[in-house]
Amino acid sequence: MRGNAVFLYLDAFAPDKHEVEAAKRQYRKGGLGDVKLKRWLIEVLRSFVDPIRERRRELEAHPERVDAALEEGTARGQAVARETMLAVRRAMGIVYRFS
């Protein structure tokens, strides 16, 4: 629905798209007020964000897990970068051999 930012967010975050479409129809007819619509959006956003907040609290309580994940990701990224750069050098004909 154009012109109503609440529906933009509901389209993006509400799990039941049919419910959003029904609310749009009701809103157009005048049977759904802005306050009720905004309260519904708050509920939808909270249900979307709450698991993210919980995961953040878990990670905050165990910073060693975050560090381990960062180290593992860095190592994997470096391995991929090494392979990519080797392929680039081979393609350019600038592979150097060291003894």
PDB file of N, CA and C in Angstrom:
ATOM      1  N   MET A   1       0.853  -1.179   0.000  1.00  0.00           N
ATOM      2  CA  MET A   1       0.000   0.000   0.000  1.00  0.00           C
ATOM      3  C   MET A   1       0.893   1.234   0.000  1.00  0.00           C
ATOM      4  N   ARG A   2       0.669   2.113  -0.924  1.00  0.00           N
ATOM      5  CA  ARG A   2       1.500   3.313  -1.036  1.00  0.00           C
ATOM      6  C   ARG A   2       1.114   4.319   0.029  1.00  0.00           C
ATOM      7  N   GLY A   3       2.128   5.021   0.528  1.00  0.00           N
ATOM      8  CA  GLY A   3       1.863   6.128   1.424  1.00  0.00           C
ATOM      9  C   GLY A   3       1.778   5.764   2.888  1.00  0.00           C
ATOM     10  N   ASN A   4       1.814   4.497   3.227  1.00  0.00           N
ATOM     11  CA  ASN A   4       1.739   4.122   4.628  1.00  0.00           C
ATOM     12  C   ASN A   4       2.976   3.314   4.988  1.00  0.00           C
ATOM     13  N   ALA A   5       3.883   3.961   5.695  1.00  0.00           N
ATOM     14  CA  ALA A   5       5.148   3.325   6.046  1.00  0.00           C
ATOM     15  C   ALA A   5       4.950   2.100   6.927  1.00  0.00           C
ATOM     16  N   VAL A   6       3.895   2.069   7.723  1.00  0.00           N
ATOM     17  CA  VAL A   6       3.642   0.914   8.586  1.00  0.00           C
ATOM     18  C   VAL A   6       3.494  -0.338   7.734  1.00  0.00           C
ATOM     19  N   PHE A   7       2.788  -0.229   6.620  1.00  0.00           N
ATOM     20  CA  PHE A   7       2.602  -1.399   5.760  1.00  0.00           C
ATOM     21  C   PHE A   7       3.899  -1.813   5.075  1.00  0.00           C
ATOM     22  N   LEU A   8       4.785  -0.874   4.820  1.00  0.00           N
ATOM     23  CA  LEU A   8       6.085  -1.245   4.259  1.00  0.00           C
ATOM     24  C   LEU A   8       6.828  -2.178   5.218  1.00  0.00           C
ATOM     25  N   TYR A   9       6.800  -1.830   6.494  1.00  0.00           N
ATOM     26  CA  TYR A   9       7.458  -2.670   7.496  1.00  0.00           C
ATOM     27  C   TYR A   9       6.726  -3.988   7.697  1.00  0.00           C
ATOM     28  N   LEU A  10       5.404  -3.953   7.691  1.00  0.00           N
ATOM     29  CA  LEU A  10       4.647  -5.197   7.832  1.00  0.00           C
ATOM     30  C   LEU A  10       4.895  -6.119   6.638  1.00  0.00           C
ATOM     31  N   ASP A  11       4.968  -5.555   5.448  1.00  0.00           N
ATOM     32  CA  ASP A  11       5.286  -6.366   4.268  1.00  0.00           C
ATOM     33  C   ASP A  11       6.638  -7.054   4.429  1.00  0.00           C
ATOM     34  N   ALA A  12       7.570  -6.358   5.037  1.00  0.00           N
ATOM     35  CA  ALA A  12       8.922  -6.906   5.177  1.00  0.00           C
ATOM     36  C   ALA A  12       9.057  -7.893   6.336  1.00  0.00           C
ATOM     37  N   PHE A  13       8.352  -7.661   7.441  1.00  0.00           N
ATOM     38  CA  PHE A  13       8.631  -8.427   8.653  1.00  0.00           C
ATOM     39  C   PHE A  13       7.505  -9.327   9.149  1.00  0.00           C
ATOM     40  N   ALA A  14       6.283  -9.071   8.763  1.00  0.00           N
ATOM     41  CA  ALA A  14       5.175  -9.899   9.252  1.00  0.00           C
ATOM     42  C   ALA A  14       5.253 -11.277   8.601  1.00  0.00           C
ATOM     43  N   PRO A  15       5.163 -12.331   9.392  1.00  0.00           N
ATOM     44  CA  PRO A  15       5.286 -13.674   8.822  1.00  0.00           C
ATOM     45  C   PRO A  15       4.080 -14.093   7.985  1.00  0.00           C
ATOM     46  N   ASP A  16       2.909 -13.564   8.285  1.00  0.00           N
ATOM     47  CA  ASP A  16       1.687 -13.958   7.578  1.00  0.00           C
ATOM     48  C   ASP A  16       1.311 -12.882   6.566  1.00  0.00           C
ATOM     49  N   LYS A  17       1.719 -13.081   5.324  1.00  0.00           N
ATOM     50  CA  LYS A  17       1.483 -12.083   4.269  1.00  0.00           C
ATOM     51  C   LYS A  17      -0.008 -11.938   3.952  1.00  0.00           C
ATOM     52  N   HIS A  18      -0.766 -13.017   4.106  1.00  0.00           N
ATOM     53  CA  HIS A  18      -2.211 -12.937   3.869  1.00  0.00           C
ATOM     54  C   HIS A  18      -2.877 -12.018   4.896  1.00  0.00           C
ATOM     55  N   GLU A  19      -2.394 -12.096   6.124  1.00  0.00           N
ATOM     56  CA  GLU A  19      -2.930 -11.232   7.183  1.00  0.00           C
ATOM     57  C   GLU A  19      -2.634  -9.769   6.875  1.00  0.00           C
ATOM     58  N   VAL A  20      -1.441  -9.502   6.348  1.00  0.00           N
ATOM     59  CA  VAL A  20      -1.072  -8.128   5.984  1.00  0.00           C
ATOM     60  C   VAL A  20      -1.986  -7.629   4.861  1.00  0.00           C
ATOM     61  N   GLU A  21      -2.223  -8.462   3.866  1.00  0.00           N
ATOM     62  CA  GLU A  21      -3.089  -8.057   2.758  1.00  0.00           C
ATOM     63  C   GLU A  21      -4.512  -7.793   3.248  1.00  0.00           C
ATOM     64  N   ALA A  22      -4.991  -8.625   4.172  1.00  0.00           N
ATOM     65  CA  ALA A  22      -6.329  -8.412   4.733  1.00  0.00           C
ATOM     66  C   ALA A  22      -6.378  -7.103   5.514  1.00  0.00           C
ATOM     67  N   ALA A  23      -5.313  -6.802   6.247  1.00  0.00           N
ATOM     68  CA  ALA A  23      -5.250  -5.548   7.007  1.00  0.00           C
ATOM     69  C   ALA A  23      -5.237  -4.351   6.059  1.00  0.00           C
ATOM     70  N   LYS A  24      -4.544  -4.468   4.939  1.00  0.00           N
ATOM     71  CA  LYS A  24      -4.529  -3.386   3.958  1.00  0.00           C
ATOM     72  C   LYS A  24      -5.936  -3.109   3.437  1.00  0.00           C
ATOM     73  N   ARG A  25      -6.642  -4.183   3.110  1.00  0.00           N
ATOM     74  CA  ARG A  25      -8.017  -4.005   2.619  1.00  0.00           C
ATOM     75  C   ARG A  25      -8.889  -3.337   3.676  1.00  0.00           C
ATOM     76  N   GLN A  26      -8.768  -3.799   4.904  1.00  0.00           N
ATOM     77  CA  GLN A  26      -9.558  -3.236   6.003  1.00  0.00           C
ATOM     78  C   GLN A  26      -9.174  -1.780   6.246  1.00  0.00           C
ATOM     79  N   TYR A  27      -7.893  -1.468   6.155  1.00  0.00           N
ATOM     80  CA  TYR A  27      -7.412  -0.099   6.357  1.00  0.00           C
ATOM     81  C   TYR A  27      -7.999   0.830   5.293  1.00  0.00           C
ATOM     82  N   ARG A  28      -8.007   0.359   4.038  1.00  0.00           N
ATOM     83  CA  ARG A  28      -8.553   1.176   2.941  1.00  0.00           C
ATOM     84  C   ARG A  28     -10.042   1.483   3.146  1.00  0.00           C
ATOM     85  N   LYS A  29     -10.738   0.510   3.708  1.00  0.00           N
ATOM     86  CA  LYS A  29     -12.173   0.690   3.948  1.00  0.00           C
ATOM     87  C   LYS A  29     -12.436   1.588   5.155  1.00  0.00           C
ATOM     88  N   GLY A  30     -11.420   1.809   5.956  1.00  0.00           N
ATOM     89  CA  GLY A  30     -11.574   2.650   7.130  1.00  0.00           C
ATOM     90  C   GLY A  30     -11.888   1.873   8.397  1.00  0.00           C
ATOM     91  N   GLY A  31     -11.755   0.570   8.347  1.00  0.00           N
ATOM     92  CA  GLY A  31     -12.089  -0.236   9.515  1.00  0.00           C
ATOM     93  C   GLY A  31     -10.909  -0.577  10.395  1.00  0.00           C
ATOM     94  N   LEU A  32      -9.768   0.010  10.123  1.00  0.00           N
ATOM     95  CA  LEU A  32      -8.570  -0.281  10.916  1.00  0.00           C
ATOM     96  C   LEU A  32      -7.854   1.034  11.182  1.00  0.00           C
ATOM     97  N   GLY A  33      -7.723   1.368  12.446  1.00  0.00           N
ATOM     98  CA  GLY A  33      -7.110   2.639  12.809  1.00  0.00           C
ATOM     99  C   GLY A  33      -5.591   2.568  12.862  1.00  0.00           C
ATOM    100  N   ASP A  34      -4.971   3.737  12.797  1.00  0.00           N
ATOM    101  CA  ASP A  34      -3.514   3.830  12.819  1.00  0.00           C
ATOM    102  C   ASP A  34      -2.915   3.294  14.110  1.00  0.00           C
ATOM    103  N   VAL A  35      -3.555   3.577  15.238  1.00  0.00           N
ATOM    104  CA  VAL A  35      -3.008   3.137  16.529  1.00  0.00           C
ATOM    105  C   VAL A  35      -2.965   1.618  16.590  1.00  0.00           C
ATOM    106  N   LYS A  36      -4.049   0.970  16.197  1.00  0.00           N
ATOM    107  CA  LYS A  36      -4.095  -0.496  16.206  1.00  0.00           C
ATOM    108  C   LYS A  36      -3.053  -1.069  15.250  1.00  0.00           C
ATOM    109  N   LEU A  37      -2.937  -0.448  14.096  1.00  0.00           N
ATOM    110  CA  LEU A  37      -1.972  -0.886  13.098  1.00  0.00           C
ATOM    111  C   LEU A  37      -0.546  -0.758  13.619  1.00  0.00           C
ATOM    112  N   LYS A  38      -0.237   0.341  14.272  1.00  0.00           N
ATOM    113  CA  LYS A  38       1.103   0.558  14.816  1.00  0.00           C
ATOM    114  C   LYS A  38       1.402  -0.387  15.969  1.00  0.00           C
ATOM    115  N   ARG A  39       0.406  -0.697  16.777  1.00  0.00           N
ATOM    116  CA  ARG A  39       0.609  -1.669  17.862  1.00  0.00           C
ATOM    117  C   ARG A  39       0.932  -3.051  17.290  1.00  0.00           C
ATOM    118  N   TRP A  40       0.243  -3.400  16.213  1.00  0.00           N
ATOM    119  CA  TRP A  40       0.521  -4.674  15.553  1.00  0.00           C
ATOM    120  C   TRP A  40       1.946  -4.688  15.007  1.00  0.00           C
ATOM    121  N   LEU A  41       2.361  -3.590  14.405  1.00  0.00           N
ATOM    122  CA  LEU A  41       3.727  -3.499  13.889  1.00  0.00           C
ATOM    123  C   LEU A  41       4.744  -3.658  15.009  1.00  0.00           C
ATOM    124  N   ILE A  42       4.509  -3.020  16.135  1.00  0.00           N
ATOM    125  CA  ILE A  42       5.420  -3.153  17.281  1.00  0.00           C
ATOM    126  C   ILE A  42       5.536  -4.616  17.685  1.00  0.00           C
ATOM    127  N   GLU A  43       4.410  -5.315  17.733  1.00  0.00           N
ATOM    128  CA  GLU A  43       4.412  -6.739  18.092  1.00  0.00           C
ATOM    129  C   GLU A  43       5.214  -7.555  17.070  1.00  0.00           C
ATOM    130  N   VAL A  44       4.997  -7.284  15.792  1.00  0.00           N
ATOM    131  CA  VAL A  44       5.710  -7.994  14.727  1.00  0.00           C
ATOM    132  C   VAL A  44       7.212  -7.734  14.833  1.00  0.00           C
ATOM    133  N   LEU A  45       7.605  -6.481  15.015  1.00  0.00           N
ATOM    134  CA  LEU A  45       9.027  -6.145  15.098  1.00  0.00           C
ATOM    135  C   LEU A  45       9.671  -6.764  16.335  1.00  0.00           C
ATOM    136  N   ARG A  46       8.959  -6.749  17.448  1.00  0.00           N
ATOM    137  CA  ARG A  46       9.502  -7.370  18.657  1.00  0.00           C
ATOM    138  C   ARG A  46       9.717  -8.866  18.461  1.00  0.00           C
ATOM    139  N   SER A  47       8.760  -9.531  17.832  1.00  0.00           N
ATOM    140  CA  SER A  47       8.915 -10.967  17.623  1.00  0.00           C
ATOM    141  C   SER A  47      10.065 -11.266  16.662  1.00  0.00           C
ATOM    142  N   PHE A  48      10.359 -10.326  15.776  1.00  0.00           N
ATOM    143  CA  PHE A  48      11.489 -10.486  14.862  1.00  0.00           C
ATOM    144  C   PHE A  48      12.818 -10.218  15.576  1.00  0.00           C
ATOM    145  N   VAL A  49      12.859  -9.194  16.392  1.00  0.00           N
ATOM    146  CA  VAL A  49      14.105  -8.748  17.016  1.00  0.00           C
ATOM    147  C   VAL A  49      14.448  -9.527  18.288  1.00  0.00           C
ATOM    148  N   ASP A  50      13.452 -10.006  19.021  1.00  0.00           N
ATOM    149  CA  ASP A  50      13.724 -10.683  20.295  1.00  0.00           C
ATOM    150  C   ASP A  50      14.696 -11.859  20.174  1.00  0.00           C
ATOM    151  N   PRO A  51      14.571 -12.740  19.185  1.00  0.00           N
ATOM    152  CA  PRO A  51      15.561 -13.824  19.070  1.00  0.00           C
ATOM    153  C   PRO A  51      16.975 -13.308  18.796  1.00  0.00           C
ATOM    154  N   ILE A  52      17.073 -12.214  18.062  1.00  0.00           N
ATOM    155  CA  ILE A  52      18.377 -11.609  17.796  1.00  0.00           C
ATOM    156  C   ILE A  52      18.964 -11.069  19.099  1.00  0.00           C
ATOM    157  N   ARG A  53      18.146 -10.422  19.891  1.00  0.00           N
ATOM    158  CA  ARG A  53      18.605  -9.900  21.184  1.00  0.00           C
ATOM    159  C   ARG A  53      19.044 -11.033  22.107  1.00  0.00           C
ATOM    160  N   GLU A  54      18.282 -12.123  22.106  1.00  0.00           N
ATOM    161  CA  GLU A  54      18.631 -13.272  22.948  1.00  0.00           C
ATOM    162  C   GLU A  54      19.967 -13.862  22.517  1.00  0.00           C
ATOM    163  N   ARG A  55      20.159 -14.007  21.221  1.00  0.00           N
ATOM    164  CA  ARG A  55      21.434 -14.542  20.710  1.00  0.00           C
ATOM    165  C   ARG A  55      22.578 -13.615  21.089  1.00  0.00           C
ATOM    166  N   ARG A  56      22.351 -12.312  21.038  1.00  0.00           N
ATOM    167  CA  ARG A  56      23.386 -11.353  21.433  1.00  0.00           C
ATOM    168  C   ARG A  56      23.748 -11.530  22.900  1.00  0.00           C
ATOM    169  N   ARG A  57      22.731 -11.712  23.759  1.00  0.00           N
ATOM    170  CA  ARG A  57      23.000 -11.918  25.185  1.00  0.00           C
ATOM    171  C   ARG A  57      23.822 -13.192  25.410  1.00  0.00           C
ATOM    172  N   GLU A  58      23.487 -14.245  24.670  1.00  0.00           N
ATOM    173  CA  GLU A  58      24.240 -15.497  24.784  1.00  0.00           C
ATOM    174  C   GLU A  58      25.699 -15.295  24.384  1.00  0.00           C
ATOM    175  N   LEU A  59      25.906 -14.596  23.275  1.00  0.00           N
ATOM    176  CA  LEU A  59      27.273 -14.364  22.809  1.00  0.00           C
ATOM    177  C   LEU A  59      28.035 -13.429  23.741  1.00  0.00           C
ATOM    178  N   GLU A  60      27.331 -12.470  24.291  1.00  0.00           N
ATOM    179  CA  GLU A  60      27.965 -11.546  25.229  1.00  0.00           C
ATOM    180  C   GLU A  60      28.440 -12.283  26.482  1.00  0.00           C
ATOM    181  N   ALA A  61      27.691 -13.314  26.868  1.00  0.00           N
ATOM    182  CA  ALA A  61      28.059 -14.099  28.049  1.00  0.00           C
ATOM    183  C   ALA A  61      29.222 -15.043  27.766  1.00  0.00           C
ATOM    184  N   HIS A  62      29.512 -15.296  26.488  1.00  0.00           N
ATOM    185  CA  HIS A  62      30.589 -16.222  26.113  1.00  0.00           C
ATOM    186  C   HIS A  62      31.465 -15.599  25.022  1.00  0.00           C
ATOM    187  N   PRO A  63      32.245 -14.590  25.372  1.00  0.00           N
ATOM    188  CA  PRO A  63      33.050 -13.915  24.352  1.00  0.00           C
ATOM    189  C   PRO A  63      34.086 -14.835  23.710  1.00  0.00           C
ATOM    190  N   GLU A  64      34.450 -15.901  24.402  1.00  0.00           N
ATOM    191  CA  GLU A  64      35.422 -16.831  23.819  1.00  0.00           C
ATOM    192  C   GLU A  64      34.849 -17.510  22.576  1.00  0.00           C
ATOM    193  N   ARG A  65      33.543 -17.711  22.533  1.00  0.00           N
ATOM    194  CA  ARG A  65      32.910 -18.292  21.338  1.00  0.00           C
ATOM    195  C   ARG A  65      33.002 -17.333  20.163  1.00  0.00           C
ATOM    196  N   VAL A  66      32.822 -16.059  20.454  1.00  0.00           N
ATOM    197  CA  VAL A  66      32.921 -15.042  19.400  1.00  0.00           C
ATOM    198  C   VAL A  66      34.348 -15.003  18.869  1.00  0.00           C
ATOM    199  N   ASP A  67      35.314 -14.991  19.786  1.00  0.00           N
ATOM    200  CA  ASP A  67      36.717 -14.978  19.369  1.00  0.00           C
ATOM    201  C   ASP A  67      37.059 -16.196  18.520  1.00  0.00           C
ATOM    202  N   ALA A  68      36.587 -17.376  18.943  1.00  0.00           N
ATOM    203  CA  ALA A  68      36.861 -18.604  18.193  1.00  0.00           C
ATOM    204  C   ALA A  68      36.241 -18.544  16.805  1.00  0.00           C
ATOM    205  N   ALA A  69      35.024 -18.030  16.712  1.00  0.00           N
ATOM    206  CA  ALA A  69      34.361 -17.923  15.411  1.00  0.00           C
ATOM    207  C   ALA A  69      35.102 -16.949  14.506  1.00  0.00           C
ATOM    208  N   LEU A  70      35.570 -15.852  15.071  1.00  0.00           N
ATOM    209  CA  LEU A  70      36.332 -14.878  14.281  1.00  0.00           C
ATOM    210  C   LEU A  70      37.652 -15.464  13.796  1.00  0.00           C
ATOM    211  N   GLU A  71      38.332 -16.195  14.668  1.00  0.00           N
ATOM    212  CA  GLU A  71      39.599 -16.819  14.273  1.00  0.00           C
ATOM    213  C   GLU A  71      39.379 -17.870  13.187  1.00  0.00           C
ATOM    214  N   GLU A  72      38.329 -18.665  13.340  1.00  0.00           N
ATOM    215  CA  GLU A  72      38.028 -19.689  12.337  1.00  0.00           C
ATOM    216  C   GLU A  72      37.666 -19.050  10.999  1.00  0.00           C
ATOM    217  N   GLY A  73      36.843 -18.023  11.046  1.00  0.00           N
ATOM    218  CA  GLY A  73      36.458 -17.328   9.817  1.00  0.00           C
ATOM    219  C   GLY A  73      37.644 -16.665   9.139  1.00  0.00           C
ATOM    220  N   THR A  74      38.526 -16.095   9.935  1.00  0.00           N
ATOM    221  CA  THR A  74      39.729 -15.468   9.390  1.00  0.00           C
ATOM    222  C   THR A  74      40.605 -16.502   8.703  1.00  0.00           C
ATOM    223  N   ALA A  75      40.795 -17.643   9.356  1.00  0.00           N
ATOM    224  CA  ALA A  75      41.626 -18.706   8.774  1.00  0.00           C
ATOM    225  C   ALA A  75      41.029 -19.202   7.459  1.00  0.00           C
ATOM    226  N   ARG A  76      39.706 -19.405   7.439  1.00  0.00           N
ATOM    227  CA  ARG A  76      39.054 -19.861   6.197  1.00  0.00           C
ATOM    228  C   ARG A  76      39.186 -18.807   5.101  1.00  0.00           C
ATOM    229  N   GLY A  77      38.991 -17.551   5.478  1.00  0.00           N
ATOM    230  CA  GLY A  77      39.117 -16.466   4.502  1.00  0.00           C
ATOM    231  C   GLY A  77      40.523 -16.357   3.943  1.00  0.00           C
ATOM    232  N   GLN A  78      41.508 -16.518   4.799  1.00  0.00           N
ATOM    233  CA  GLN A  78      42.900 -16.458   4.340  1.00  0.00           C
ATOM    234  C   GLN A  78      43.213 -17.605   3.384  1.00  0.00           C
ATOM    235  N   ALA A  79      42.690 -18.794   3.682  1.00  0.00           N
ATOM    236  CA  ALA A  79      42.917 -19.943   2.800  1.00  0.00           C
ATOM    237  C   ALA A  79      42.301 -19.696   1.431  1.00  0.00           C
ATOM    238  N   VAL A  80      41.098 -19.177   1.399  1.00  0.00           N
ATOM    239  CA  VAL A  80      40.436 -18.872   0.128  1.00  0.00           C
ATOM    240  C   VAL A  80      41.217 -17.794  -0.620  1.00  0.00           C
ATOM    241  N   ALA A  81      41.660 -16.780   0.108  1.00  0.00           N
ATOM    242  CA  ALA A  81      42.423 -15.691  -0.524  1.00  0.00           C
ATOM    243  C   ALA A  81      43.729 -16.209  -1.117  1.00  0.00           C
ATOM    244  N   ARG A  82      44.412 -17.110  -0.396  1.00  0.00           N
ATOM    245  CA  ARG A  82      45.661 -17.688  -0.923  1.00  0.00           C
ATOM    246  C   ARG A  82      45.397 -18.428  -2.233  1.00  0.00           C
ATOM    247  N   GLU A  83      44.364 -19.249  -2.261  1.00  0.00           N
ATOM    248  CA  GLU A  83      44.028 -20.008  -3.460  1.00  0.00           C
ATOM    249  C   GLU A  83      43.638 -19.074  -4.604  1.00  0.00           C
ATOM    250  N   THR A  84      42.878 -18.051  -4.293  1.00  0.00           N
ATOM    251  CA  THR A  84      42.451 -17.098  -5.317  1.00  0.00           C
ATOM    252  C   THR A  84      43.655 -16.369  -5.902  1.00  0.00           C
ATOM    253  N   MET A  85      44.546 -15.907  -5.029  1.00  0.00           N
ATOM    254  CA  MET A  85      45.713 -15.181  -5.518  1.00  0.00           C
ATOM    255  C   MET A  85      46.645 -16.087  -6.315  1.00  0.00           C
ATOM    256  N   LEU A  86      46.748 -17.366  -5.942  1.00  0.00           N
ATOM    257  CA  LEU A  86      47.549 -18.305  -6.719  1.00  0.00           C
ATOM    258  C   LEU A  86      46.953 -18.461  -8.115  1.00  0.00           C
ATOM    259  N   ALA A  87      45.645 -18.579  -8.192  1.00  0.00           N
ATOM    260  CA  ALA A  87      44.971 -18.692  -9.492  1.00  0.00           C
ATOM    261  C   ALA A  87      45.181 -17.428 -10.322  1.00  0.00           C
ATOM    262  N   VAL A  88      45.130 -16.269  -9.678  1.00  0.00           N
ATOM    263  CA  VAL A  88      45.352 -14.997 -10.384  1.00  0.00           C
ATOM    264  C   VAL A  88      46.779 -14.943 -10.921  1.00  0.00           C
ATOM    265  N   ARG A  89      47.734 -15.298 -10.069  1.00  0.00           N
ATOM    266  CA  ARG A  89      49.148 -15.259 -10.501  1.00  0.00           C
ATOM    267  C   ARG A  89      49.392 -16.233 -11.649  1.00  0.00           C
ATOM    268  N   ARG A  90      48.804 -17.431 -11.551  1.00  0.00           N
ATOM    269  CA  ARG A  90      48.959 -18.403 -12.648  1.00  0.00           C
ATOM    270  C   ARG A  90      48.361 -17.839 -13.930  1.00  0.00           C
ATOM    271  N   ALA A  91      47.201 -17.242 -13.836  1.00  0.00           N
ATOM    272  CA  ALA A  91      46.543 -16.684 -15.019  1.00  0.00           C
ATOM    273  C   ALA A  91      47.364 -15.562 -15.634  1.00  0.00           C
ATOM    274  N   MET A  92      48.078 -14.834 -14.800  1.00  0.00           N
ATOM    275  CA  MET A  92      48.898 -13.714 -15.281  1.00  0.00           C
ATOM    276  C   MET A  92      50.302 -14.157 -15.634  1.00  0.00           C
ATOM    277  N   GLY A  93      50.642 -15.420 -15.329  1.00  0.00           N
ATOM    278  CA  GLY A  93      51.971 -15.926 -15.629  1.00  0.00           C
ATOM    279  C   GLY A  93      53.046 -15.357 -14.719  1.00  0.00           C
ATOM    280  N   ILE A  94      52.712 -15.067 -13.475  1.00  0.00           N
ATOM    281  CA  ILE A  94      53.708 -14.509 -12.568  1.00  0.00           C
ATOM    282  C   ILE A  94      53.846 -15.385 -11.310  1.00  0.00           C
ATOM    283  N   VAL A  95      53.898 -16.704 -11.518  1.00  0.00           N
ATOM    284  CA  VAL A  95      54.087 -17.616 -10.394  1.00  0.00           C
ATOM    285  C   VAL A  95      55.588 -17.746 -10.168  1.00  0.00           C
ATOM    286  N   TYR A  96      55.987 -17.454  -8.937  1.00  0.00           N
ATOM    287  CA  TYR A  96      57.395 -17.547  -8.579  1.00  0.00           C
ATOM    288  C   TYR A  96      57.626 -18.812  -7.773  1.00  0.00           C
ATOM    289  N   ARG A  97      58.708 -19.479  -8.051  1.00  0.00           N
ATOM    290  CA  ARG A  97      59.049 -20.686  -7.309  1.00  0.00           C
ATOM    291  C   ARG A  97      60.227 -20.375  -6.397  1.00  0.00           C
ATOM    292  N   PHE A  98      60.058 -20.689  -5.136  1.00  0.00           N
ATOM    293  CA  PHE A  98      61.127 -20.485  -4.158  1.00  0.00           C
ATOM    294  C   PHE A  98      61.554 -21.845  -3.653  1.00  0.00           C
ATOM    295  N   SER A  99      62.836 -22.017  -3.392  1.00  0.00           N
ATOM    296  CA  SER A  99      63.308 -23.306  -2.882  1.00  0.00           C
ATOM    297  C   SER A  99      63.360 -23.315  -1.384  1.00  0.00           C
TER     298      SER A  99
END
